[in-house]
Amino acid sequence: MIKYLSRLVALFLVLPGFALIAQPADFAFPAGCVQASPLGGEGTLFRVSARIDGVNAQQGGGDYIAVFNGNGDVIGVSALSVGFGANPSIANLYLRTNAGGNNCPTYNEAPSLTVKLYDATADGILIAPNSFFQASVFGGEIVGPDGDASLRDLFDFLAASLPVALAEFTATANDGAVKLDWSTATESNNSYFEIQRSADPATGFEKIGVVDGNETTTSTSNYDFTDLNPGEGTVYYRLNQVDVTGTSAYSPIVVVELEVSANREVAVFPNPTASGSRLTVQLNGPWTNGGADIQLLDAAGRKVADWNGLSNGSLNTALPVLRSGVYQLVVTDGGERRITRVVVR
């Protein structure tokens, strides 16, 4: 019964004539696009609950939730409203699934989603530890980071934001070079990234390059750097992010095997891992360049996350918030398939 009531509330929130309070410019839809309607198959329901540093976010006071697809486009926006029970501050968003005549962005074209909150009191945009997740649909609703479409996803946004919210960091070996790619969801006073390399992390890292940051932005930023002389064997990389005050912080480490194995191999670490933490997946062997796809499946065989177009090297990414249990990480490359068990505690 509660589930159907929430859908009824969502219907009234998005129907024409129910005006919302002014929202930030960063949460605006592209020109010619508007909030998807629950009618006519325009959008799929995504139900959230919001807190800020453990305290319920404002209801009807100008706080907004926005969802962005993997291309950084807004696909759903809603003001927070009054809920009930354990979810007093809620939003019911219909994420656009039909591009329509104006070719509006959709969630299914780039299902690596990001959830952000506009805090009207502080006039700032916040993210939560579980803001980044791979979307899927089950029972006619978006499956959020908790992995269960029947439950409202809780996001506890951080008011004390970090200088950089690193979304993904990958290292790919190709023709004797190593290409590093990374993306950020938000940046605050980010001056630059120092790229560091090591043959053995126990003996330290050396600086091999610098890439300028975007200072302060709430939009997704993509970066890359190519190491033309990585050496031989196993090579480790990390980023040293430096802000405008000189304060710095290291990223997780990614690793590349330059001596390619004769067999396709998959390594996952840490394993066991914690729900909502970061995970590294390393591929070695004759994987097709850009041809490896990864899915993380729960015990029922439902997809809870996926990553596409990978190659020899490693991917460090944020896991969604998952229930404790044993999951299967499935890597496919054409007709080849490798399965690794991942334990979430």
C-alpha atoms as a PDB file:
ATOM      1  CA  MET A   1       0.000   0.000   0.000  1.00  0.00           C
ATOM      2  CA  ILE A   2       2.835   2.399   0.894  1.00  0.00           C
ATOM      3  CA  LYS A   3       4.442   1.779  -2.483  1.00  0.00           C
ATOM      4  CA  TYR A   4       1.302   2.801  -4.363  1.00  0.00           C
ATOM      5  CA  LEU A   5       0.794   5.883  -2.177  1.00  0.00           C
ATOM      6  CA  SER A   6       4.321   7.052  -3.037  1.00  0.00           C
ATOM      7  CA  ARG A   7       3.516   6.714  -6.732  1.00  0.00           C
ATOM      8  CA  LEU A   8       0.406   8.825  -6.235  1.00  0.00           C
ATOM      9  CA  VAL A   9       2.464  11.510  -4.482  1.00  0.00           C
ATOM     10  CA  ALA A  10       4.988  11.416  -7.350  1.00  0.00           C
ATOM     11  CA  LEU A  11       2.191  11.902  -9.873  1.00  0.00           C
ATOM     12  CA  PHE A  12       1.051  15.146  -8.237  1.00  0.00           C
ATOM     13  CA  LEU A  13       4.635  16.425  -7.936  1.00  0.00           C
ATOM     14  CA  VAL A  14       5.267  16.316 -11.674  1.00  0.00           C
ATOM     15  CA  LEU A  15       1.888  17.046 -13.237  1.00  0.00           C
ATOM     16  CA  PRO A  16       1.516  20.428 -14.949  1.00  0.00           C
ATOM     17  CA  GLY A  17       0.207  23.128 -12.663  1.00  0.00           C
ATOM     18  CA  PHE A  18       2.192  22.011  -9.614  1.00  0.00           C
ATOM     19  CA  ALA A  19       4.935  24.634  -9.737  1.00  0.00           C
ATOM     20  CA  LEU A  20       8.203  24.089  -7.898  1.00  0.00           C
ATOM     21  CA  ILE A  21      10.298  26.659  -6.021  1.00  0.00           C
ATOM     22  CA  ALA A  22      13.239  28.129  -7.962  1.00  0.00           C
ATOM     23  CA  GLN A  23      16.006  25.597  -8.457  1.00  0.00           C
ATOM     24  CA  PRO A  24      19.746  26.139  -9.173  1.00  0.00           C
ATOM     25  CA  ALA A  25      20.920  26.636 -12.753  1.00  0.00           C
ATOM     26  CA  ASP A  26      23.073  23.489 -12.538  1.00  0.00           C
ATOM     27  CA  PHE A  27      19.862  21.465 -12.135  1.00  0.00           C
ATOM     28  CA  ALA A  28      18.259  22.809 -15.319  1.00  0.00           C
ATOM     29  CA  PHE A  29      17.217  20.492 -18.130  1.00  0.00           C
ATOM     30  CA  PRO A  30      18.778  21.004 -21.593  1.00  0.00           C
ATOM     31  CA  ALA A  31      16.956  23.464 -23.831  1.00  0.00           C
ATOM     32  CA  GLY A  32      13.610  22.106 -25.018  1.00  0.00           C
ATOM     33  CA  CYS A  33      13.476  19.408 -22.334  1.00  0.00           C
ATOM     34  CA  VAL A  34      11.334  19.236 -19.194  1.00  0.00           C
ATOM     35  CA  GLN A  35      10.694  16.858 -16.314  1.00  0.00           C
ATOM     36  CA  ALA A  36       9.438  13.507 -17.653  1.00  0.00           C
ATOM     37  CA  SER A  37       5.783  12.722 -17.015  1.00  0.00           C
ATOM     38  CA  PRO A  38       4.666   9.458 -15.377  1.00  0.00           C
ATOM     39  CA  LEU A  39       2.149   9.192 -18.216  1.00  0.00           C
ATOM     40  CA  GLY A  40       2.864   7.742 -21.646  1.00  0.00           C
ATOM     41  CA  GLY A  41       6.070   5.919 -20.672  1.00  0.00           C
ATOM     42  CA  GLU A  42       8.196   9.071 -20.600  1.00  0.00           C
ATOM     43  CA  GLY A  43       9.944   8.228 -17.353  1.00  0.00           C
ATOM     44  CA  THR A  44      10.672   5.534 -14.767  1.00  0.00           C
ATOM     45  CA  LEU A  45      10.080   6.124 -11.050  1.00  0.00           C
ATOM     46  CA  PHE A  46      13.061   6.584  -8.729  1.00  0.00           C
ATOM     47  CA  ARG A  47      12.198   7.093  -5.044  1.00  0.00           C
ATOM     48  CA  VAL A  48      14.711   8.734  -2.688  1.00  0.00           C
ATOM     49  CA  SER A  49      14.986  10.024   0.859  1.00  0.00           C
ATOM     50  CA  ALA A  50      17.494  12.741   1.774  1.00  0.00           C
ATOM     51  CA  ARG A  51      19.515  13.811   4.797  1.00  0.00           C
ATOM     52  CA  ILE A  52      22.375  16.265   5.223  1.00  0.00           C
ATOM     53  CA  ASP A  53      25.060  15.083   7.653  1.00  0.00           C
ATOM     54  CA  GLY A  54      22.516  12.792   9.295  1.00  0.00           C
ATOM     55  CA  VAL A  55      19.795  15.447   9.656  1.00  0.00           C
ATOM     56  CA  ASN A  56      16.660  15.436   7.495  1.00  0.00           C
ATOM     57  CA  ALA A  57      16.914  17.824   4.565  1.00  0.00           C
ATOM     58  CA  GLN A  58      14.460  20.722   4.168  1.00  0.00           C
ATOM     59  CA  GLN A  59      10.950  19.857   3.046  1.00  0.00           C
ATOM     60  CA  GLY A  60       9.391  22.541   0.882  1.00  0.00           C
ATOM     61  CA  GLY A  61      12.190  24.941   1.821  1.00  0.00           C
ATOM     62  CA  GLY A  62      14.031  25.081  -1.480  1.00  0.00           C
ATOM     63  CA  ASP A  63      16.126  21.898  -1.279  1.00  0.00           C
ATOM     64  CA  TYR A  64      16.204  19.957  -4.559  1.00  0.00           C
ATOM     65  CA  ILE A  65      17.307  16.536  -5.718  1.00  0.00           C
ATOM     66  CA  ALA A  66      18.669  16.101  -9.260  1.00  0.00           C
ATOM     67  CA  VAL A  67      19.790  12.979 -11.087  1.00  0.00           C
ATOM     68  CA  PHE A  68      22.417  13.123 -13.845  1.00  0.00           C
ATOM     69  CA  ASN A  69      23.181  10.370 -16.364  1.00  0.00           C
ATOM     70  CA  GLY A  70      26.670   9.181 -17.260  1.00  0.00           C
ATOM     71  CA  ASN A  71      27.044  11.986 -19.820  1.00  0.00           C
ATOM     72  CA  GLY A  72      26.481  14.612 -17.129  1.00  0.00           C
ATOM     73  CA  ASP A  73      22.991  15.556 -18.365  1.00  0.00           C
ATOM     74  CA  VAL A  74      20.045  16.230 -16.036  1.00  0.00           C
ATOM     75  CA  ILE A  75      17.411  13.502 -16.418  1.00  0.00           C
ATOM     76  CA  GLY A  76      15.247  14.146 -13.336  1.00  0.00           C
ATOM     77  CA  VAL A  77      14.669  16.945 -10.801  1.00  0.00           C
ATOM     78  CA  SER A  78      12.356  17.282  -7.803  1.00  0.00           C
ATOM     79  CA  ALA A  79      11.934  19.465  -4.758  1.00  0.00           C
ATOM     80  CA  LEU A  80      11.973  17.594  -1.453  1.00  0.00           C
ATOM     81  CA  SER A  81       8.567  17.064   0.116  1.00  0.00           C
ATOM     82  CA  VAL A  82       7.190  15.717   3.383  1.00  0.00           C
ATOM     83  CA  GLY A  83       7.253  11.939   3.707  1.00  0.00           C
ATOM     84  CA  PHE A  84       6.364   9.726   6.629  1.00  0.00           C
ATOM     85  CA  GLY A  85       7.833   7.107   8.976  1.00  0.00           C
ATOM     86  CA  ALA A  86      11.549   6.530   8.489  1.00  0.00           C
ATOM     87  CA  ASN A  87      11.637   8.753   5.367  1.00  0.00           C
ATOM     88  CA  PRO A  88      10.496  12.262   6.402  1.00  0.00           C
ATOM     89  CA  SER A  89      12.265  14.094   3.533  1.00  0.00           C
ATOM     90  CA  ILE A  90      11.514  12.498   0.184  1.00  0.00           C
ATOM     91  CA  ALA A  91      11.544  13.026  -3.565  1.00  0.00           C
ATOM     92  CA  ASN A  92       9.857  10.956  -6.249  1.00  0.00           C
ATOM     93  CA  LEU A  93      11.528  11.465  -9.600  1.00  0.00           C
ATOM     94  CA  TYR A  94      10.572  10.118 -12.998  1.00  0.00           C
ATOM     95  CA  LEU A  95      13.885   9.643 -14.821  1.00  0.00           C
ATOM     96  CA  ARG A  96      13.488  10.197 -18.535  1.00  0.00           C
ATOM     97  CA  THR A  97      13.555   7.010 -20.621  1.00  0.00           C
ATOM     98  CA  ASN A  98      12.041   8.424 -23.824  1.00  0.00           C
ATOM     99  CA  ALA A  99      14.101  11.081 -25.646  1.00  0.00           C
ATOM    100  CA  GLY A 100      11.025  12.509 -27.415  1.00  0.00           C
ATOM    101  CA  GLY A 101      11.008  14.930 -30.313  1.00  0.00           C
ATOM    102  CA  ASN A 102      13.632  17.212 -28.728  1.00  0.00           C
ATOM    103  CA  ASN A 103      16.097  14.328 -28.327  1.00  0.00           C
ATOM    104  CA  CYS A 104      16.274  14.884 -24.566  1.00  0.00           C
ATOM    105  CA  PRO A 105      18.885  12.955 -22.544  1.00  0.00           C
ATOM    106  CA  THR A 106      17.735   9.694 -20.946  1.00  0.00           C
ATOM    107  CA  TYR A 107      18.990   7.488 -18.132  1.00  0.00           C
ATOM    108  CA  ASN A 108      19.264   4.359 -20.309  1.00  0.00           C
ATOM    109  CA  GLU A 109      21.682   5.956 -22.807  1.00  0.00           C
ATOM    110  CA  ALA A 110      24.285   6.315 -20.024  1.00  0.00           C
ATOM    111  CA  PRO A 111      23.086   4.487 -16.871  1.00  0.00           C
ATOM    112  CA  SER A 112      26.030   5.450 -14.624  1.00  0.00           C
ATOM    113  CA  LEU A 113      23.946   7.863 -12.546  1.00  0.00           C
ATOM    114  CA  THR A 114      24.851  10.591 -10.059  1.00  0.00           C
ATOM    115  CA  VAL A 115      22.454  11.968  -7.431  1.00  0.00           C
ATOM    116  CA  LYS A 116      23.059  15.498  -6.098  1.00  0.00           C
ATOM    117  CA  LEU A 117      21.239  17.743  -3.613  1.00  0.00           C
ATOM    118  CA  TYR A 118      20.906  21.515  -3.676  1.00  0.00           C
ATOM    119  CA  ASP A 119      21.088  22.801  -0.086  1.00  0.00           C
ATOM    120  CA  ALA A 120      19.163  26.088  -0.126  1.00  0.00           C
ATOM    121  CA  THR A 121      20.380  27.117   3.334  1.00  0.00           C
ATOM    122  CA  ALA A 122      24.052  26.931   2.371  1.00  0.00           C
ATOM    123  CA  ASP A 123      23.403  27.680  -1.335  1.00  0.00           C
ATOM    124  CA  GLY A 124      25.565  24.724  -2.294  1.00  0.00           C
ATOM    125  CA  ILE A 125      25.378  21.433  -4.181  1.00  0.00           C
ATOM    126  CA  LEU A 126      26.209  18.305  -2.183  1.00  0.00           C
ATOM    127  CA  ILE A 127      26.927  14.645  -2.890  1.00  0.00           C
ATOM    128  CA  ALA A 128      26.551  11.529  -0.740  1.00  0.00           C
ATOM    129  CA  PRO A 129      28.867   8.493  -0.422  1.00  0.00           C
ATOM    130  CA  ASN A 130      26.382   6.456  -2.485  1.00  0.00           C
ATOM    131  CA  SER A 131      25.652   9.205  -5.036  1.00  0.00           C
ATOM    132  CA  PHE A 132      27.303   7.224  -7.863  1.00  0.00           C
ATOM    133  CA  PHE A 133      25.682   3.994  -9.035  1.00  0.00           C
ATOM    134  CA  GLN A 134      24.790   1.890 -12.066  1.00  0.00           C
ATOM    135  CA  ALA A 135      21.054   2.038 -12.748  1.00  0.00           C
ATOM    136  CA  SER A 136      18.806  -0.834 -13.749  1.00  0.00           C
ATOM    137  CA  VAL A 137      15.041  -1.351 -13.715  1.00  0.00           C
ATOM    138  CA  PHE A 138      13.079  -3.945 -11.767  1.00  0.00           C
ATOM    139  CA  GLY A 139       9.311  -4.051 -11.312  1.00  0.00           C
ATOM    140  CA  GLY A 140       8.864  -0.814 -13.240  1.00  0.00           C
ATOM    141  CA  GLU A 141      11.140   1.217 -10.929  1.00  0.00           C
ATOM    142  CA  ILE A 142      14.772   2.310 -10.923  1.00  0.00           C
ATOM    143  CA  VAL A 143      16.971   0.051  -8.803  1.00  0.00           C
ATOM    144  CA  GLY A 144      19.094   2.479  -6.789  1.00  0.00           C
ATOM    145  CA  PRO A 145      22.334   1.960  -4.863  1.00  0.00           C
ATOM    146  CA  ASP A 146      20.637  -0.149  -2.178  1.00  0.00           C
ATOM    147  CA  GLY A 147      19.924  -2.797  -4.839  1.00  0.00           C
ATOM    148  CA  ASP A 148      16.200  -3.076  -4.055  1.00  0.00           C
ATOM    149  CA  ALA A 149      13.567  -1.261  -6.147  1.00  0.00           C
ATOM    150  CA  SER A 150      10.920  -1.916  -3.494  1.00  0.00           C
ATOM    151  CA  LEU A 151      12.719   0.323  -0.976  1.00  0.00           C
ATOM    152  CA  ARG A 152      13.259   4.083  -1.000  1.00  0.00           C
ATOM    153  CA  ASP A 153      16.989   4.851  -1.399  1.00  0.00           C
ATOM    154  CA  LEU A 154      18.461   6.926   1.431  1.00  0.00           C
ATOM    155  CA  PHE A 155      21.150   9.471   0.539  1.00  0.00           C
ATOM    156  CA  ASP A 156      23.000  11.170   3.409  1.00  0.00           C
ATOM    157  CA  PHE A 157      24.632  14.169   1.737  1.00  0.00           C
ATOM    158  CA  LEU A 158      27.872  15.618   3.099  1.00  0.00           C
ATOM    159  CA  ALA A 159      27.875  19.344   3.890  1.00  0.00           C
ATOM    160  CA  ALA A 160      31.619  19.264   4.531  1.00  0.00           C
ATOM    161  CA  SER A 161      32.449  18.434   0.921  1.00  0.00           C
ATOM    162  CA  LEU A 162      35.807  17.037  -0.158  1.00  0.00           C
ATOM    163  CA  PRO A 163      37.964  19.009  -2.661  1.00  0.00           C
ATOM    164  CA  VAL A 164      37.361  16.369  -5.359  1.00  0.00           C
ATOM    165  CA  ALA A 165      34.782  13.586  -5.649  1.00  0.00           C
ATOM    166  CA  LEU A 166      36.576  10.964  -7.749  1.00  0.00           C
ATOM    167  CA  ALA A 167      34.081   8.870  -9.716  1.00  0.00           C
ATOM    168  CA  GLU A 168      36.342   6.449 -11.639  1.00  0.00           C
ATOM    169  CA  PHE A 169      40.068   5.942 -12.273  1.00  0.00           C
ATOM    170  CA  THR A 170      41.336   3.492 -14.913  1.00  0.00           C
ATOM    171  CA  ALA A 171      44.714   2.449 -16.314  1.00  0.00           C
ATOM    172  CA  THR A 172      44.897   0.727 -19.708  1.00  0.00           C
ATOM    173  CA  ALA A 173      47.954  -0.810 -21.386  1.00  0.00           C
ATOM    174  CA  ASN A 174      48.157  -0.308 -25.165  1.00  0.00           C
ATOM    175  CA  ASP A 175      51.132  -0.780 -27.531  1.00  0.00           C
ATOM    176  CA  GLY A 176      53.774  -0.302 -24.852  1.00  0.00           C
ATOM    177  CA  ALA A 177      52.124   2.784 -23.326  1.00  0.00           C
ATOM    178  CA  VAL A 178      49.661   3.200 -20.463  1.00  0.00           C
ATOM    179  CA  LYS A 179      46.651   5.490 -20.721  1.00  0.00           C
ATOM    180  CA  LEU A 180      45.144   6.838 -17.505  1.00  0.00           C
ATOM    181  CA  ASP A 181      41.553   8.104 -17.453  1.00  0.00           C
ATOM    182  CA  TRP A 182      39.700   9.559 -14.492  1.00  0.00           C
ATOM    183  CA  SER A 183      36.537  11.520 -13.861  1.00  0.00           C
ATOM    184  CA  THR A 184      35.248  13.683 -11.028  1.00  0.00           C
ATOM    185  CA  ALA A 185      31.656  14.387 -10.072  1.00  0.00           C
ATOM    186  CA  THR A 186      32.406  17.660  -8.289  1.00  0.00           C
ATOM    187  CA  GLU A 187      35.478  19.785  -7.569  1.00  0.00           C
ATOM    188  CA  SER A 188      36.154  22.510  -5.011  1.00  0.00           C
ATOM    189  CA  ASN A 189      39.276  24.694  -5.350  1.00  0.00           C
ATOM    190  CA  ASN A 190      41.026  21.942  -7.326  1.00  0.00           C
ATOM    191  CA  SER A 191      44.301  23.303  -8.708  1.00  0.00           C
ATOM    192  CA  TYR A 192      45.870  20.279 -10.418  1.00  0.00           C
ATOM    193  CA  PHE A 193      46.495  16.530 -10.453  1.00  0.00           C
ATOM    194  CA  GLU A 194      50.035  15.210 -10.142  1.00  0.00           C
ATOM    195  CA  ILE A 195      50.382  11.812 -11.856  1.00  0.00           C
ATOM    196  CA  GLN A 196      52.685   9.415 -10.030  1.00  0.00           C
ATOM    197  CA  ARG A 197      54.144   6.023 -11.026  1.00  0.00           C
ATOM    198  CA  SER A 198      55.885   3.216  -9.168  1.00  0.00           C
ATOM    199  CA  ALA A 199      57.313  -0.246  -9.858  1.00  0.00           C
ATOM    200  CA  ASP A 200      56.919  -1.028  -6.147  1.00  0.00           C
ATOM    201  CA  PRO A 201      54.647   1.087  -3.911  1.00  0.00           C
ATOM    202  CA  ALA A 202      56.677   0.041  -0.858  1.00  0.00           C
ATOM    203  CA  THR A 203      59.630   2.035  -2.201  1.00  0.00           C
ATOM    204  CA  GLY A 204      57.610   5.118  -3.149  1.00  0.00           C
ATOM    205  CA  PHE A 205      56.213   6.864  -6.244  1.00  0.00           C
ATOM    206  CA  GLU A 206      57.751   9.273  -8.742  1.00  0.00           C
ATOM    207  CA  LYS A 207      56.062  12.248 -10.410  1.00  0.00           C
ATOM    208  CA  ILE A 208      55.640  11.781 -14.175  1.00  0.00           C
ATOM    209  CA  GLY A 209      53.228  14.554 -15.132  1.00  0.00           C
ATOM    210  CA  VAL A 210      50.698  17.223 -14.172  1.00  0.00           C
ATOM    211  CA  VAL A 211      47.150  17.852 -15.416  1.00  0.00           C
ATOM    212  CA  ASP A 212      45.338  21.077 -14.512  1.00  0.00           C
ATOM    213  CA  GLY A 213      42.093  20.786 -12.554  1.00  0.00           C
ATOM    214  CA  ASN A 214      38.863  22.720 -13.083  1.00  0.00           C
ATOM    215  CA  GLU A 215      39.039  24.605  -9.765  1.00  0.00           C
ATOM    216  CA  THR A 216      35.394  24.640  -8.628  1.00  0.00           C
ATOM    217  CA  THR A 217      32.607  22.889 -10.526  1.00  0.00           C
ATOM    218  CA  THR A 218      29.555  20.745  -9.811  1.00  0.00           C
ATOM    219  CA  SER A 219      29.602  19.183 -13.286  1.00  0.00           C
ATOM    220  CA  THR A 220      31.322  15.950 -14.300  1.00  0.00           C
ATOM    221  CA  SER A 221      34.915  16.500 -15.456  1.00  0.00           C
ATOM    222  CA  ASN A 222      36.932  13.984 -17.480  1.00  0.00           C
ATOM    223  CA  TYR A 223      40.735  13.788 -17.557  1.00  0.00           C
ATOM    224  CA  ASP A 224      43.407  11.640 -19.196  1.00  0.00           C
ATOM    225  CA  PHE A 225      47.172  11.229 -19.295  1.00  0.00           C
ATOM    226  CA  THR A 226      49.354   8.846 -21.338  1.00  0.00           C
ATOM    227  CA  ASP A 227      52.580   7.400 -19.945  1.00  0.00           C
ATOM    228  CA  LEU A 228      54.729   6.687 -23.016  1.00  0.00           C
ATOM    229  CA  ASN A 229      57.568   5.086 -21.013  1.00  0.00           C
ATOM    230  CA  PRO A 230      55.974   2.934 -18.323  1.00  0.00           C
ATOM    231  CA  GLY A 231      58.856   0.430 -18.107  1.00  0.00           C
ATOM    232  CA  GLU A 232      58.283  -3.314 -17.784  1.00  0.00           C
ATOM    233  CA  GLY A 233      56.407  -5.775 -15.617  1.00  0.00           C
ATOM    234  CA  THR A 234      53.885  -4.511 -13.089  1.00  0.00           C
ATOM    235  CA  VAL A 235      53.386  -0.739 -12.910  1.00  0.00           C
ATOM    236  CA  TYR A 236      51.360   1.162 -10.301  1.00  0.00           C
ATOM    237  CA  TYR A 237      49.773   4.601 -10.685  1.00  0.00           C
ATOM    238  CA  ARG A 238      48.085   7.100  -8.381  1.00  0.00           C
ATOM    239  CA  LEU A 239      46.929  10.711  -8.506  1.00  0.00           C
ATOM    240  CA  ASN A 240      48.010  13.391  -6.064  1.00  0.00           C
ATOM    241  CA  GLN A 241      45.213  15.967  -6.118  1.00  0.00           C
ATOM    242  CA  VAL A 242      46.396  19.432  -5.019  1.00  0.00           C
ATOM    243  CA  ASP A 243      43.998  22.280  -4.192  1.00  0.00           C
ATOM    244  CA  VAL A 244      44.639  26.021  -4.474  1.00  0.00           C
ATOM    245  CA  THR A 245      45.905  26.204  -0.867  1.00  0.00           C
ATOM    246  CA  GLY A 246      48.513  23.511  -1.492  1.00  0.00           C
ATOM    247  CA  THR A 247      46.645  20.821   0.452  1.00  0.00           C
ATOM    248  CA  SER A 248      46.874  17.462  -1.283  1.00  0.00           C
ATOM    249  CA  ALA A 249      45.282  14.003  -1.172  1.00  0.00           C
ATOM    250  CA  TYR A 250      46.118  10.715  -2.895  1.00  0.00           C
ATOM    251  CA  SER A 251      43.727   8.689  -5.041  1.00  0.00           C
ATOM    252  CA  PRO A 252      43.400   4.901  -4.859  1.00  0.00           C
ATOM    253  CA  ILE A 253      46.139   3.004  -6.737  1.00  0.00           C
ATOM    254  CA  VAL A 254      45.534   1.368 -10.123  1.00  0.00           C
ATOM    255  CA  VAL A 255      47.854  -1.261 -11.575  1.00  0.00           C
ATOM    256  CA  VAL A 256      48.832  -2.455 -15.052  1.00  0.00           C
ATOM    257  CA  GLU A 257      50.597  -5.679 -16.080  1.00  0.00           C
ATOM    258  CA  LEU A 258      52.796  -4.879 -19.082  1.00  0.00           C
ATOM    259  CA  GLU A 259      53.833  -8.527 -19.462  1.00  0.00           C
ATOM    260  CA  VAL A 260      50.615  -9.909 -20.902  1.00  0.00           C
ATOM    261  CA  SER A 261      49.526 -13.310 -19.657  1.00  0.00           C
ATOM    262  CA  ALA A 262      48.723 -16.025 -22.212  1.00  0.00           C
ATOM    263  CA  ASN A 263      45.335 -16.516 -20.508  1.00  0.00           C
ATOM    264  CA  ARG A 264      42.579 -14.064 -19.670  1.00  0.00           C
ATOM    265  CA  GLU A 265      42.840 -13.325 -15.945  1.00  0.00           C
ATOM    266  CA  VAL A 266      40.674 -11.305 -13.538  1.00  0.00           C
ATOM    267  CA  ALA A 267      41.687 -10.050 -10.095  1.00  0.00           C
ATOM    268  CA  VAL A 268      39.466  -8.131  -7.676  1.00  0.00           C
ATOM    269  CA  PHE A 269      40.645  -6.305  -4.557  1.00  0.00           C
ATOM    270  CA  PRO A 270      39.920  -5.772  -1.779  1.00  0.00           C
ATOM    271  CA  ASN A 271      37.903  -8.978  -1.571  1.00  0.00           C
ATOM    272  CA  PRO A 272      35.998  -9.262   0.745  1.00  0.00           C
ATOM    273  CA  THR A 273      34.986  -5.640   0.398  1.00  0.00           C
ATOM    274  CA  ALA A 274      32.658  -3.228   2.197  1.00  0.00           C
ATOM    275  CA  SER A 275      29.316  -2.004   0.890  1.00  0.00           C
ATOM    276  CA  GLY A 276      29.643   1.451  -0.670  1.00  0.00           C
ATOM    277  CA  SER A 277      33.465   1.322  -0.709  1.00  0.00           C
ATOM    278  CA  ARG A 278      35.839   1.459  -3.678  1.00  0.00           C
ATOM    279  CA  LEU A 279      36.769  -1.656  -5.655  1.00  0.00           C
ATOM    280  CA  THR A 280      39.576  -2.353  -8.113  1.00  0.00           C
ATOM    281  CA  VAL A 281      39.167  -4.838 -10.973  1.00  0.00           C
ATOM    282  CA  GLN A 282      42.364  -5.841 -12.791  1.00  0.00           C
ATOM    283  CA  LEU A 283      42.409  -7.542 -16.211  1.00  0.00           C
ATOM    284  CA  ASN A 284      45.435  -9.277 -17.712  1.00  0.00           C
ATOM    285  CA  GLY A 285      45.752 -11.443 -20.800  1.00  0.00           C
ATOM    286  CA  PRO A 286      44.555 -11.317 -24.406  1.00  0.00           C
ATOM    287  CA  TRP A 287      41.471  -9.197 -23.712  1.00  0.00           C
ATOM    288  CA  THR A 288      40.268  -7.263 -26.766  1.00  0.00           C
ATOM    289  CA  ASN A 289      41.260  -3.600 -26.546  1.00  0.00           C
ATOM    290  CA  GLY A 290      38.117  -1.840 -25.322  1.00  0.00           C
ATOM    291  CA  GLY A 291      36.118  -5.047 -25.707  1.00  0.00           C
ATOM    292  CA  ALA A 292      35.712  -6.297 -22.126  1.00  0.00           C
ATOM    293  CA  ASP A 293      32.404  -5.716 -20.333  1.00  0.00           C
ATOM    294  CA  ILE A 294      31.854  -6.311 -16.613  1.00  0.00           C
ATOM    295  CA  GLN A 295      28.652  -7.002 -14.704  1.00  0.00           C
ATOM    296  CA  LEU A 296      28.209  -7.418 -10.953  1.00  0.00           C
ATOM    297  CA  LEU A 297      25.296  -9.764 -10.188  1.00  0.00           C
ATOM    298  CA  ASP A 298      23.572 -10.493  -6.886  1.00  0.00           C
ATOM    299  CA  ALA A 299      22.563 -13.955  -5.649  1.00  0.00           C
ATOM    300  CA  ALA A 300      19.320 -13.753  -7.668  1.00  0.00           C
ATOM    301  CA  GLY A 301      21.222 -12.981 -10.877  1.00  0.00           C
ATOM    302  CA  ARG A 302      20.132  -9.325 -10.957  1.00  0.00           C
ATOM    303  CA  LYS A 303      22.609  -6.781 -12.260  1.00  0.00           C
ATOM    304  CA  VAL A 304      23.598  -4.259  -9.570  1.00  0.00           C
ATOM    305  CA  ALA A 305      26.454  -2.554 -11.465  1.00  0.00           C
ATOM    306  CA  ASP A 306      28.235  -2.716 -14.810  1.00  0.00           C
ATOM    307  CA  TRP A 307      31.233  -1.229 -16.618  1.00  0.00           C
ATOM    308  CA  ASN A 308      31.819  -1.396 -20.363  1.00  0.00           C
ATOM    309  CA  GLY A 309      34.597  -1.042 -22.932  1.00  0.00           C
ATOM    310  CA  LEU A 310      37.527  -2.087 -20.730  1.00  0.00           C
ATOM    311  CA  SER A 311      40.956  -3.402 -21.712  1.00  0.00           C
ATOM    312  CA  ASN A 312      44.080  -4.849 -20.104  1.00  0.00           C
ATOM    313  CA  GLY A 313      44.731  -2.796 -16.994  1.00  0.00           C
ATOM    314  CA  SER A 314      42.626  -1.904 -13.981  1.00  0.00           C
ATOM    315  CA  LEU A 315      39.518   0.010 -12.983  1.00  0.00           C
ATOM    316  CA  ASN A 316      39.009   1.635  -9.582  1.00  0.00           C
ATOM    317  CA  THR A 317      35.413   2.643  -8.960  1.00  0.00           C
ATOM    318  CA  ALA A 318      32.877   3.294  -6.219  1.00  0.00           C
ATOM    319  CA  LEU A 319      30.610   0.362  -5.456  1.00  0.00           C
ATOM    320  CA  PRO A 320      26.912   1.007  -4.878  1.00  0.00           C
ATOM    321  CA  VAL A 321      25.537   0.419  -1.391  1.00  0.00           C
ATOM    322  CA  LEU A 322      24.874  -3.325  -1.385  1.00  0.00           C
ATOM    323  CA  ARG A 323      23.466  -5.851   1.007  1.00  0.00           C
ATOM    324  CA  SER A 324      25.952  -8.249   2.600  1.00  0.00           C
ATOM    325  CA  GLY A 325      26.413 -11.439   0.616  1.00  0.00           C
ATOM    326  CA  VAL A 326      28.228 -13.155  -2.233  1.00  0.00           C
ATOM    327  CA  TYR A 327      28.107 -11.525  -5.678  1.00  0.00           C
ATOM    328  CA  GLN A 328      29.376 -12.653  -9.078  1.00  0.00           C
ATOM    329  CA  LEU A 329      31.627 -10.387 -11.122  1.00  0.00           C
ATOM    330  CA  VAL A 330      31.231 -11.511 -14.747  1.00  0.00           C
ATOM    331  CA  VAL A 331      33.706 -10.339 -17.400  1.00  0.00           C
ATOM    332  CA  THR A 332      32.820 -11.029 -21.052  1.00  0.00           C
ATOM    333  CA  ASP A 333      34.836 -10.466 -24.209  1.00  0.00           C
ATOM    334  CA  GLY A 334      33.099 -11.826 -27.284  1.00  0.00           C
ATOM    335  CA  GLY A 335      32.607 -15.523 -26.615  1.00  0.00           C
ATOM    336  CA  GLU A 336      35.003 -15.554 -23.643  1.00  0.00           C
ATOM    337  CA  ARG A 337      33.657 -15.301 -20.099  1.00  0.00           C
ATOM    338  CA  ARG A 338      35.306 -15.200 -16.670  1.00  0.00           C
ATOM    339  CA  ILE A 339      33.469 -15.240 -13.331  1.00  0.00           C
ATOM    340  CA  THR A 340      34.919 -14.135  -9.979  1.00  0.00           C
ATOM    341  CA  ARG A 341      33.167 -14.249  -6.600  1.00  0.00           C
ATOM    342  CA  VAL A 342      33.048 -10.965  -4.684  1.00  0.00           C
ATOM    343  CA  VAL A 343      32.110 -11.004  -0.998  1.00  0.00           C
ATOM    344  CA  VAL A 344      30.414  -7.876   0.385  1.00  0.00           C
ATOM    345  CA  ARG A 345      30.353  -7.447   4.152  1.00  0.00           C
END
